[in-house]
C-alpha atoms as a PDB file:
ATOM      1  CA  MET A   1     -25.101 -25.754  77.550  1.00  0.00           C
ATOM      2  CA  PRO A   2     -27.583 -29.052  77.127  1.00  0.00           C
ATOM      3  CA  GLY A   3     -29.548 -28.654  74.051  1.00  0.00           C
ATOM      4  CA  HIS A   4     -27.069 -26.509  72.015  1.00  0.00           C
ATOM      5  CA  GLU A   5     -24.291 -28.635  71.279  1.00  0.00           C
ATOM      6  CA  ASP A   6     -25.433 -28.594  66.899  1.00  0.00           C
ATOM      7  CA  ALA A   7     -26.191 -24.622  67.085  1.00  0.00           C
ATOM      8  CA  SER A   8     -24.420 -23.020  64.628  1.00  0.00           C
ATOM      9  CA  PRO A   9     -22.067 -20.227  65.750  1.00  0.00           C
ATOM     10  CA  LEU A  10     -23.611 -16.801  64.848  1.00  0.00           C
ATOM     11  CA  GLU A  11     -22.299 -15.433  61.541  1.00  0.00           C
ATOM     12  CA  ARG A  12     -19.946 -12.411  61.901  1.00  0.00           C
ATOM     13  CA  SER A  13     -20.841  -9.471  59.343  1.00  0.00           C
ATOM     14  CA  PRO A  14     -17.913  -7.959  57.708  1.00  0.00           C
ATOM     15  CA  ARG A  15     -16.823  -4.784  59.054  1.00  0.00           C
ATOM     16  CA  PRO A  16     -16.639  -2.025  56.673  1.00  0.00           C
ATOM     17  CA  ARG A  17     -13.119  -1.185  55.408  1.00  0.00           C
ATOM     18  CA  LEU A  18     -12.005   2.020  56.158  1.00  0.00           C
ATOM     19  CA  GLY A  19      -9.280   2.303  54.168  1.00  0.00           C
ATOM     20  CA  ARG A  20      -8.989   4.388  51.248  1.00  0.00           C
ATOM     21  CA  GLU A  21     -10.107   2.903  48.005  1.00  0.00           C
ATOM     22  CA  ARG A  22      -8.046   1.851  45.932  1.00  0.00           C
ATOM     23  CA  LEU A  23      -6.926   4.203  42.809  1.00  0.00           C
ATOM     24  CA  ASP A  24      -7.863   3.027  39.136  1.00  0.00           C
ATOM     25  CA  TRP A  25      -4.825   3.991  37.504  1.00  0.00           C
ATOM     26  CA  PRO A  26      -5.259   2.763  34.173  1.00  0.00           C
ATOM     27  CA  THR A  27      -7.766   5.824  33.798  1.00  0.00           C
ATOM     28  CA  ILE A  28      -6.146   8.357  35.941  1.00  0.00           C
ATOM     29  CA  LEU A  29      -2.622   7.271  33.329  1.00  0.00           C
ATOM     30  CA  ARG A  30      -5.084   8.122  30.021  1.00  0.00           C
ATOM     31  CA  ASN A  31      -6.928  11.139  31.664  1.00  0.00           C
ATOM     32  CA  ILE A  32      -3.356  12.112  31.954  1.00  0.00           C
ATOM     33  CA  ALA A  33      -2.109  11.171  28.305  1.00  0.00           C
ATOM     34  CA  LEU A  34      -5.130  12.701  27.091  1.00  0.00           C
ATOM     35  CA  ALA A  35      -4.411  15.929  28.599  1.00  0.00           C
ATOM     36  CA  LEU A  36      -0.695  15.661  27.667  1.00  0.00           C
ATOM     37  CA  ALA A  37      -1.953  15.101  23.722  1.00  0.00           C
ATOM     38  CA  LEU A  38      -4.345  18.175  23.807  1.00  0.00           C
ATOM     39  CA  LEU A  39      -1.529  20.388  24.872  1.00  0.00           C
ATOM     40  CA  ALA A  40       0.794  18.838  22.493  1.00  0.00           C
ATOM     41  CA  GLY A  41      -1.836  19.245  19.668  1.00  0.00           C
ATOM     42  CA  VAL A  42      -2.938  22.841  21.017  1.00  0.00           C
ATOM     43  CA  TRP A  43       0.950  24.180  21.222  1.00  0.00           C
ATOM     44  CA  ALA A  44       1.292  22.204  17.227  1.00  0.00           C
ATOM     45  CA  VAL A  45      -1.407  24.288  15.762  1.00  0.00           C
ATOM     46  CA  PHE A  46      -0.384  27.626  16.951  1.00  0.00           C
ATOM     47  CA  ASN A  47       3.012  27.672  17.377  1.00  0.00           C
ATOM     48  CA  VAL A  48       4.372  24.960  15.009  1.00  0.00           C
ATOM     49  CA  ARG A  49       4.954  27.116  11.529  1.00  0.00           C
ATOM     50  CA  LEU A  50       6.637  25.030   8.660  1.00  0.00           C
ATOM     51  CA  PRO A  51       9.058  26.750   6.820  1.00  0.00           C
ATOM     52  CA  SER A  52       8.202  27.949   3.411  1.00  0.00           C
ATOM     53  CA  VAL A  53       8.624  25.420   0.408  1.00  0.00           C
ATOM     54  CA  ASP A  54      12.044  27.537  -0.466  1.00  0.00           C
ATOM     55  CA  VAL A  55      13.355  26.932   2.934  1.00  0.00           C
ATOM     56  CA  LEU A  56      12.398  23.460   2.828  1.00  0.00           C
ATOM     57  CA  GLN A  57      14.253  23.182  -0.469  1.00  0.00           C
ATOM     58  CA  ASN A  58      17.132  24.847   0.280  1.00  0.00           C
ATOM     59  CA  ASP A  59      17.510  22.285   3.643  1.00  0.00           C
ATOM     60  CA  ILE A  60      16.699  19.668   2.174  1.00  0.00           C
ATOM     61  CA  ALA A  61      19.133  20.254  -0.738  1.00  0.00           C
ATOM     62  CA  ALA A  62      21.981  21.061   1.376  1.00  0.00           C
ATOM     63  CA  ALA A  63      21.460  17.975   2.989  1.00  0.00           C
ATOM     64  CA  GLY A  64      22.628  15.946   0.252  1.00  0.00           C
ATOM     65  CA  PHE A  65      22.174  12.222   0.263  1.00  0.00           C
ATOM     66  CA  TRP A  66      20.444  12.632   3.418  1.00  0.00           C
ATOM     67  CA  GLY A  67      17.659  14.910   2.139  1.00  0.00           C
ATOM     68  CA  PHE A  68      15.611  12.113   1.423  1.00  0.00           C
ATOM     69  CA  ALA A  69      15.657  10.575   4.935  1.00  0.00           C
ATOM     70  CA  VAL A  70      14.848  14.348   5.876  1.00  0.00           C
ATOM     71  CA  PHE A  71      11.887  14.669   4.125  1.00  0.00           C
ATOM     72  CA  ILE A  72      10.783  11.606   5.274  1.00  0.00           C
ATOM     73  CA  LEU A  73      11.135  12.010   8.826  1.00  0.00           C
ATOM     74  CA  ILE A  74       9.388  15.447   8.424  1.00  0.00           C
ATOM     75  CA  TYR A  75       6.497  14.393   7.144  1.00  0.00           C
ATOM     76  CA  MET A  76       6.288  11.672   9.018  1.00  0.00           C
ATOM     77  CA  GLY A  77       6.059  13.829  12.292  1.00  0.00           C
ATOM     78  CA  VAL A  78       3.626  16.115  10.315  1.00  0.00           C
ATOM     79  CA  ALA A  79       1.192  13.510   9.219  1.00  0.00           C
ATOM     80  CA  ALA A  80       0.870  12.028  13.254  1.00  0.00           C
ATOM     81  CA  THR A  81      -0.295  15.174  14.237  1.00  0.00           C
ATOM     82  CA  PRO A  82      -3.019  17.773  13.372  1.00  0.00           C
ATOM     83  CA  ILE A  83      -0.485  19.756  11.023  1.00  0.00           C
ATOM     84  CA  PRO A  84      -1.878  19.891   7.261  1.00  0.00           C
ATOM     85  CA  VAL A  85       0.320  17.640   5.244  1.00  0.00           C
ATOM     86  CA  THR A  86      -0.774  19.648   2.183  1.00  0.00           C
ATOM     87  CA  ILE A  87       2.748  21.921   2.516  1.00  0.00           C
ATOM     88  CA  MET A  88       4.876  19.028   2.833  1.00  0.00           C
ATOM     89  CA  ALA A  89       3.520  16.854  -0.355  1.00  0.00           C
ATOM     90  CA  THR A  90       3.473  20.501  -2.535  1.00  0.00           C
ATOM     91  CA  ALA A  91       7.446  20.479  -1.214  1.00  0.00           C
ATOM     92  CA  GLY A  92       8.218  17.293  -2.162  1.00  0.00           C
ATOM     93  CA  GLY A  93       6.917  17.657  -5.961  1.00  0.00           C
ATOM     94  CA  LEU A  94       8.489  21.161  -5.913  1.00  0.00           C
ATOM     95  CA  ILE A  95      11.959  19.612  -4.402  1.00  0.00           C
ATOM     96  CA  PHE A  96      11.905  16.369  -6.373  1.00  0.00           C
ATOM     97  CA  GLY A  97       9.711  16.449  -8.968  1.00  0.00           C
ATOM     98  CA  VAL A  98       6.410  14.434  -9.707  1.00  0.00           C
ATOM     99  CA  GLY A  99       7.903  10.607  -9.576  1.00  0.00           C
ATOM    100  CA  PHE A 100      10.144  10.959  -6.424  1.00  0.00           C
ATOM    101  CA  GLY A 101       7.983  13.561  -4.831  1.00  0.00           C
ATOM    102  CA  THR A 102       4.966  11.007  -5.079  1.00  0.00           C
ATOM    103  CA  LEU A 103       7.381   8.081  -3.900  1.00  0.00           C
ATOM    104  CA  LEU A 104       8.369   9.798  -1.011  1.00  0.00           C
ATOM    105  CA  SER A 105       5.751  11.514  -0.063  1.00  0.00           C
ATOM    106  CA  MET A 106       3.467   8.173  -0.228  1.00  0.00           C
ATOM    107  CA  ILE A 107       6.072   6.921   1.995  1.00  0.00           C
ATOM    108  CA  GLY A 108       6.043  10.131   5.088  1.00  0.00           C
ATOM    109  CA  VAL A 109       2.320   9.994   4.575  1.00  0.00           C
ATOM    110  CA  VAL A 110       1.440   6.356   5.458  1.00  0.00           C
ATOM    111  CA  ALA A 111       4.381   5.731   7.770  1.00  0.00           C
ATOM    112  CA  GLY A 112       3.279   9.124   9.844  1.00  0.00           C
ATOM    113  CA  CYS A 113      -0.249   7.892   9.581  1.00  0.00           C
ATOM    114  CA  TRP A 114       0.408   4.703  10.854  1.00  0.00           C
ATOM    115  CA  ILE A 115       1.979   6.113  13.831  1.00  0.00           C
ATOM    116  CA  GLY A 116      -0.676   8.526  14.364  1.00  0.00           C
ATOM    117  CA  TYR A 117      -2.917   4.729  14.364  1.00  0.00           C
ATOM    118  CA  TRP A 118      -0.830   3.438  17.363  1.00  0.00           C
ATOM    119  CA  ILE A 119      -0.641   6.386  19.105  1.00  0.00           C
ATOM    120  CA  ALA A 120      -4.672   6.097  19.230  1.00  0.00           C
ATOM    121  CA  ARG A 121      -4.413   2.185  20.035  1.00  0.00           C
ATOM    122  CA  ALA A 122      -2.656   3.111  23.058  1.00  0.00           C
ATOM    123  CA  LEU A 123      -4.695   5.597  23.990  1.00  0.00           C
ATOM    124  CA  GLY A 124      -8.300   4.093  23.943  1.00  0.00           C
ATOM    125  CA  ARG A 125     -11.378   4.785  22.644  1.00  0.00           C
ATOM    126  CA  ASP A 126     -13.041   7.285  25.049  1.00  0.00           C
ATOM    127  CA  THR A 127      -9.257   9.082  25.452  1.00  0.00           C
ATOM    128  CA  VAL A 128      -8.960   9.318  21.542  1.00  0.00           C
ATOM    129  CA  LEU A 129     -13.015  10.326  21.124  1.00  0.00           C
ATOM    130  CA  ARG A 130     -12.599  13.228  23.626  1.00  0.00           C
ATOM    131  CA  LEU A 131      -9.266  14.498  21.121  1.00  0.00           C
ATOM    132  CA  LEU A 132     -10.815  14.096  18.020  1.00  0.00           C
ATOM    133  CA  GLY A 133     -13.510  17.278  19.486  1.00  0.00           C
ATOM    134  CA  SER A 134     -15.922  18.136  15.978  1.00  0.00           C
ATOM    135  CA  HIS A 135     -15.040  14.891  14.323  1.00  0.00           C
ATOM    136  CA  ALA A 136     -15.678  12.814  16.671  1.00  0.00           C
ATOM    137  CA  GLU A 137     -19.647  12.017  15.666  1.00  0.00           C
ATOM    138  CA  THR A 138     -18.509  11.508  11.924  1.00  0.00           C
ATOM    139  CA  ILE A 139     -16.090   9.827  12.955  1.00  0.00           C
ATOM    140  CA  GLU A 140     -17.333   7.341  15.260  1.00  0.00           C
ATOM    141  CA  SER A 141     -20.384   6.833  13.210  1.00  0.00           C
ATOM    142  CA  LYS A 142     -18.191   6.029   9.994  1.00  0.00           C
ATOM    143  CA  LEU A 143     -15.565   3.928  11.629  1.00  0.00           C
ATOM    144  CA  THR A 144     -17.473   1.800  14.270  1.00  0.00           C
ATOM    145  CA  GLY A 145     -17.919  -1.712  12.266  1.00  0.00           C
ATOM    146  CA  GLY A 146     -16.400  -0.427   9.165  1.00  0.00           C
ATOM    147  CA  GLY A 147     -12.969  -1.610   7.294  1.00  0.00           C
ATOM    148  CA  PHE A 148     -11.428  -0.443   4.061  1.00  0.00           C
ATOM    149  CA  TYR A 149     -14.268   1.317   2.354  1.00  0.00           C
ATOM    150  CA  ALA A 150     -14.867   3.101   5.593  1.00  0.00           C
ATOM    151  CA  VAL A 151     -11.357   4.075   5.728  1.00  0.00           C
ATOM    152  CA  CYS A 152     -10.942   5.194   2.180  1.00  0.00           C
ATOM    153  CA  ALA A 153     -14.060   6.914   1.889  1.00  0.00           C
ATOM    154  CA  LEU A 154     -13.345   9.077   4.953  1.00  0.00           C
ATOM    155  CA  ARG A 155      -9.589  10.196   3.794  1.00  0.00           C
ATOM    156  CA  LEU A 156     -11.019  11.211   0.405  1.00  0.00           C
ATOM    157  CA  LEU A 157     -13.471  13.038   2.105  1.00  0.00           C
ATOM    158  CA  PRO A 158     -13.172  16.700   1.621  1.00  0.00           C
ATOM    159  CA  GLY A 159     -12.274  19.084   4.180  1.00  0.00           C
ATOM    160  CA  LEU A 160     -11.675  16.023   6.858  1.00  0.00           C
ATOM    161  CA  PRO A 161      -7.872  16.262   7.678  1.00  0.00           C
ATOM    162  CA  TYR A 162      -5.919  13.014   7.791  1.00  0.00           C
ATOM    163  CA  TRP A 163      -5.240  12.789  11.735  1.00  0.00           C
ATOM    164  CA  PRO A 164      -9.340  12.116  12.887  1.00  0.00           C
ATOM    165  CA  VAL A 165      -9.011   9.078  10.065  1.00  0.00           C
ATOM    166  CA  ASN A 166      -5.783   7.720  11.733  1.00  0.00           C
ATOM    167  CA  TYR A 167      -6.824   8.578  15.630  1.00  0.00           C
ATOM    168  CA  GLY A 168     -10.452   7.378  14.812  1.00  0.00           C
ATOM    169  CA  SER A 169      -9.087   3.845  12.875  1.00  0.00           C
ATOM    170  CA  GLY A 170      -6.952   2.851  15.738  1.00  0.00           C
ATOM    171  CA  ALA A 171      -9.052   3.803  18.641  1.00  0.00           C
ATOM    172  CA  LEU A 172     -11.776   1.824  16.601  1.00  0.00           C
ATOM    173  CA  GLY A 173     -10.678  -1.360  16.355  1.00  0.00           C
ATOM    174  CA  ILE A 174     -10.012  -1.186  12.691  1.00  0.00           C
ATOM    175  CA  ASP A 175      -7.311  -3.970  11.672  1.00  0.00           C
ATOM    176  CA  ASN A 176      -4.053  -2.941  11.194  1.00  0.00           C
ATOM    177  CA  ARG A 177      -3.699  -4.444   7.654  1.00  0.00           C
ATOM    178  CA  THR A 178      -7.028  -3.105   6.453  1.00  0.00           C
ATOM    179  CA  PHE A 179      -6.028   0.486   8.093  1.00  0.00           C
ATOM    180  CA  LEU A 180      -2.416   0.657   6.138  1.00  0.00           C
ATOM    181  CA  PHE A 181      -3.899  -0.899   2.832  1.00  0.00           C
ATOM    182  CA  ALA A 182      -6.747   1.717   2.435  1.00  0.00           C
ATOM    183  CA  THR A 183      -4.402   4.109   3.895  1.00  0.00           C
ATOM    184  CA  ALA A 184      -2.061   3.490   0.517  1.00  0.00           C
ATOM    185  CA  VAL A 185      -4.692   3.365  -1.799  1.00  0.00           C
ATOM    186  CA  SER A 186      -6.891   6.016  -0.714  1.00  0.00           C
ATOM    187  CA  SER A 187      -3.872   8.996   0.259  1.00  0.00           C
ATOM    188  CA  LEU A 188      -2.055   8.048  -3.433  1.00  0.00           C
ATOM    189  CA  PRO A 189      -4.437  10.624  -5.247  1.00  0.00           C
ATOM    190  CA  GLY A 190      -4.423  13.014  -3.191  1.00  0.00           C
ATOM    191  CA  GLN A 191      -0.421  12.979  -2.406  1.00  0.00           C
ATOM    192  CA  LEU A 192      -0.109  12.719  -6.240  1.00  0.00           C
ATOM    193  CA  SER A 193      -2.137  15.738  -6.979  1.00  0.00           C
ATOM    194  CA  LEU A 194      -0.273  17.788  -4.205  1.00  0.00           C
ATOM    195  CA  VAL A 195       3.059  17.276  -5.366  1.00  0.00           C
ATOM    196  CA  ALA A 196       1.911  17.761  -8.835  1.00  0.00           C
ATOM    197  CA  VAL A 197       1.212  20.773  -7.910  1.00  0.00           C
ATOM    198  CA  GLY A 198       4.391  21.609  -6.410  1.00  0.00           C
ATOM    199  CA  ALA A 199       6.044  20.110  -9.473  1.00  0.00           C
ATOM    200  CA  PHE A 200       3.706  22.705 -11.927  1.00  0.00           C
ATOM    201  CA  ILE A 201       5.105  25.368  -9.165  1.00  0.00           C
ATOM    202  CA  GLY A 202       8.690  24.432 -10.144  1.00  0.00           C
ATOM    203  CA  ASP A 203       8.436  24.103 -13.876  1.00  0.00           C
ATOM    204  CA  PRO A 204       5.154  25.556 -14.995  1.00  0.00           C
ATOM    205  CA  GLY A 205       4.984  23.201 -18.756  1.00  0.00           C
ATOM    206  CA  VAL A 206       2.523  21.434 -20.486  1.00  0.00           C
ATOM    207  CA  LEU A 207       3.379  18.394 -19.052  1.00  0.00           C
ATOM    208  CA  THR A 208       3.313  19.219 -15.343  1.00  0.00           C
ATOM    209  CA  GLY A 209      -0.065  21.353 -16.278  1.00  0.00           C
ATOM    210  CA  THR A 210      -1.485  17.995 -17.649  1.00  0.00           C
ATOM    211  CA  VAL A 211      -0.491  15.614 -14.352  1.00  0.00           C
ATOM    212  CA  VAL A 212      -2.370  18.402 -12.293  1.00  0.00           C
ATOM    213  CA  GLY A 213      -5.099  18.110 -14.578  1.00  0.00           C
ATOM    214  CA  ILE A 214      -5.162  13.788 -14.410  1.00  0.00           C
ATOM    215  CA  SER A 215      -4.827  13.673 -10.598  1.00  0.00           C
ATOM    216  CA  TRP A 216      -7.411  15.790  -9.677  1.00  0.00           C
ATOM    217  CA  ALA A 217      -9.606  14.158 -11.834  1.00  0.00           C
ATOM    218  CA  LEU A 218      -8.620  11.023 -10.271  1.00  0.00           C
ATOM    219  CA  VAL A 219      -9.392  11.897  -6.925  1.00  0.00           C
ATOM    220  CA  ILE A 220     -12.738  13.154  -7.945  1.00  0.00           C
ATOM    221  CA  VAL A 221     -13.391   9.527 -10.044  1.00  0.00           C
ATOM    222  CA  LEU A 222     -12.186   7.818  -7.242  1.00  0.00           C
ATOM    223  CA  THR A 223     -13.932   9.572  -4.193  1.00  0.00           C
ATOM    224  CA  LEU A 224     -17.076   9.068  -6.088  1.00  0.00           C
ATOM    225  CA  ILE A 225     -16.361   5.415  -6.605  1.00  0.00           C
ATOM    226  CA  THR A 226     -15.439   4.666  -2.786  1.00  0.00           C
ATOM    227  CA  LEU A 227     -18.325   6.079  -1.596  1.00  0.00           C
ATOM    228  CA  LYS A 228     -20.520   4.322  -3.915  1.00  0.00           C
ATOM    229  CA  ARG A 229     -19.015   0.751  -2.822  1.00  0.00           C
ATOM    230  CA  TRP A 230     -18.702   2.363   0.604  1.00  0.00           C
ATOM    231  CA  ARG A 231     -22.584   2.928   0.496  1.00  0.00           C
ATOM    232  CA  SER A 232     -23.349  -0.317  -0.849  1.00  0.00           C
ATOM    233  CA  ALA A 233     -21.349  -2.100   1.384  1.00  0.00           C
ATOM    234  CA  SER A 234     -22.850  -0.188   4.677  1.00  0.00           C
ATOM    235  CA  HIS A 235     -26.460  -0.853   3.040  1.00  0.00           C
ATOM    236  CA  ALA A 236     -26.077  -4.645   2.483  1.00  0.00           C
ATOM    237  CA  GLU A 237     -24.816  -4.932   5.840  1.00  0.00           C
ATOM    238  CA  ASP A 238     -27.970  -3.080   7.700  1.00  0.00           C
ATOM    239  CA  HIS A 239     -30.075  -4.600   5.300  1.00  0.00           C
ATOM    240  CA  PRO A 240     -29.190  -8.836   4.816  1.00  0.00           C
ATOM    241  CA  SER A 241     -31.337  -9.908   1.863  1.00  0.00           C
ATOM    242  CA  ASP A 242     -34.694 -11.673   2.721  1.00  0.00           C
ATOM    243  CA  HIS A 243     -34.330 -14.354  -0.206  1.00  0.00           C
ATOM    244  CA  THR A 244     -32.851 -17.009   0.331  1.00  0.00           C
ATOM    245  CA  THR A 245     -32.293 -20.000  -2.347  1.00  0.00           C
ATOM    246  CA  ASP A 246     -33.319 -23.284  -1.234  1.00  0.00           C
ATOM    247  CA  ASP A 247     -31.713 -25.951  -3.693  1.00  0.00           C
ATOM    248  CA  ARG A 248     -33.406 -29.274  -1.711  1.00  0.00           C
ATOM    249  CA  PRO A 249     -36.147 -30.377  -3.171  1.00  0.00           C
ATOM    250  CA  ASP A 250     -39.388 -29.963  -1.554  1.00  0.00           C
ATOM    251  CA  ALA A 251     -40.034 -32.323   1.516  1.00  0.00           C
ATOM    252  CA  SER A 252     -42.944 -34.969   0.450  1.00  0.00           C
ATOM    253  CA  PRO A 253     -45.778 -35.089   2.915  1.00  0.00           C
ATOM    254  CA  ALA A 254     -45.376 -36.818   6.215  1.00  0.00           C
ATOM    255  CA  GLN A 255     -47.023 -40.349   5.714  1.00  0.00           C
ATOM    256  CA  GLU A 256     -49.910 -40.784   8.321  1.00  0.00           C
ATOM    257  CA  SER A 257     -49.228 -43.806  10.793  1.00  0.00           C
END
């Protein structure tokens, strides 16, 4: 019709699609992984029983040269799960003595902790925090934005197992190198003390008893030092100094034009 040549056509409102919404596969897969991890953890805690120290000693001795590798592999598997590592470190001291026992225990525990770290990186933050359960609040508050001293402090904290620190570090963004270095440094006193206890059980002498005393004293001293440094670092980040030094000469008054 005349007069309507320039009229714009009516805009058609998009019709709602009646098809199914797209599934959020990453979330679904992570929830499945969480369920499997929880089931595996519960099963391991209630069903996996490490053999006694005597049985471990006999089995590893029967493996001959490969006994070193067998011990490390078992230790790695234990350290990557919620199973306590105490019996493995004690067995290391009883079987191999303080020197070799500490070396092999450190290799096994650091490697196992690293495996747990990468498992947590794969699962993601939300999934891991659910997995941590009662430890979640402590781990999240201490490791969020933390670094070397935060990992060391939690690793040395009495009563806190290794696995929440491993999984929390991976989920909360602790750098890989920082995690490994902090784990190696902070695990050494505890591993040495447990290995020394095992060595003392196998050979209750003055020398091994002295090593036990020194190693436990070292654990206490390093724990206090690490906690102090960590609190100082946290305080410095939360309350930066308000006093800045200005080395520039005082500006002369502006001249009136």
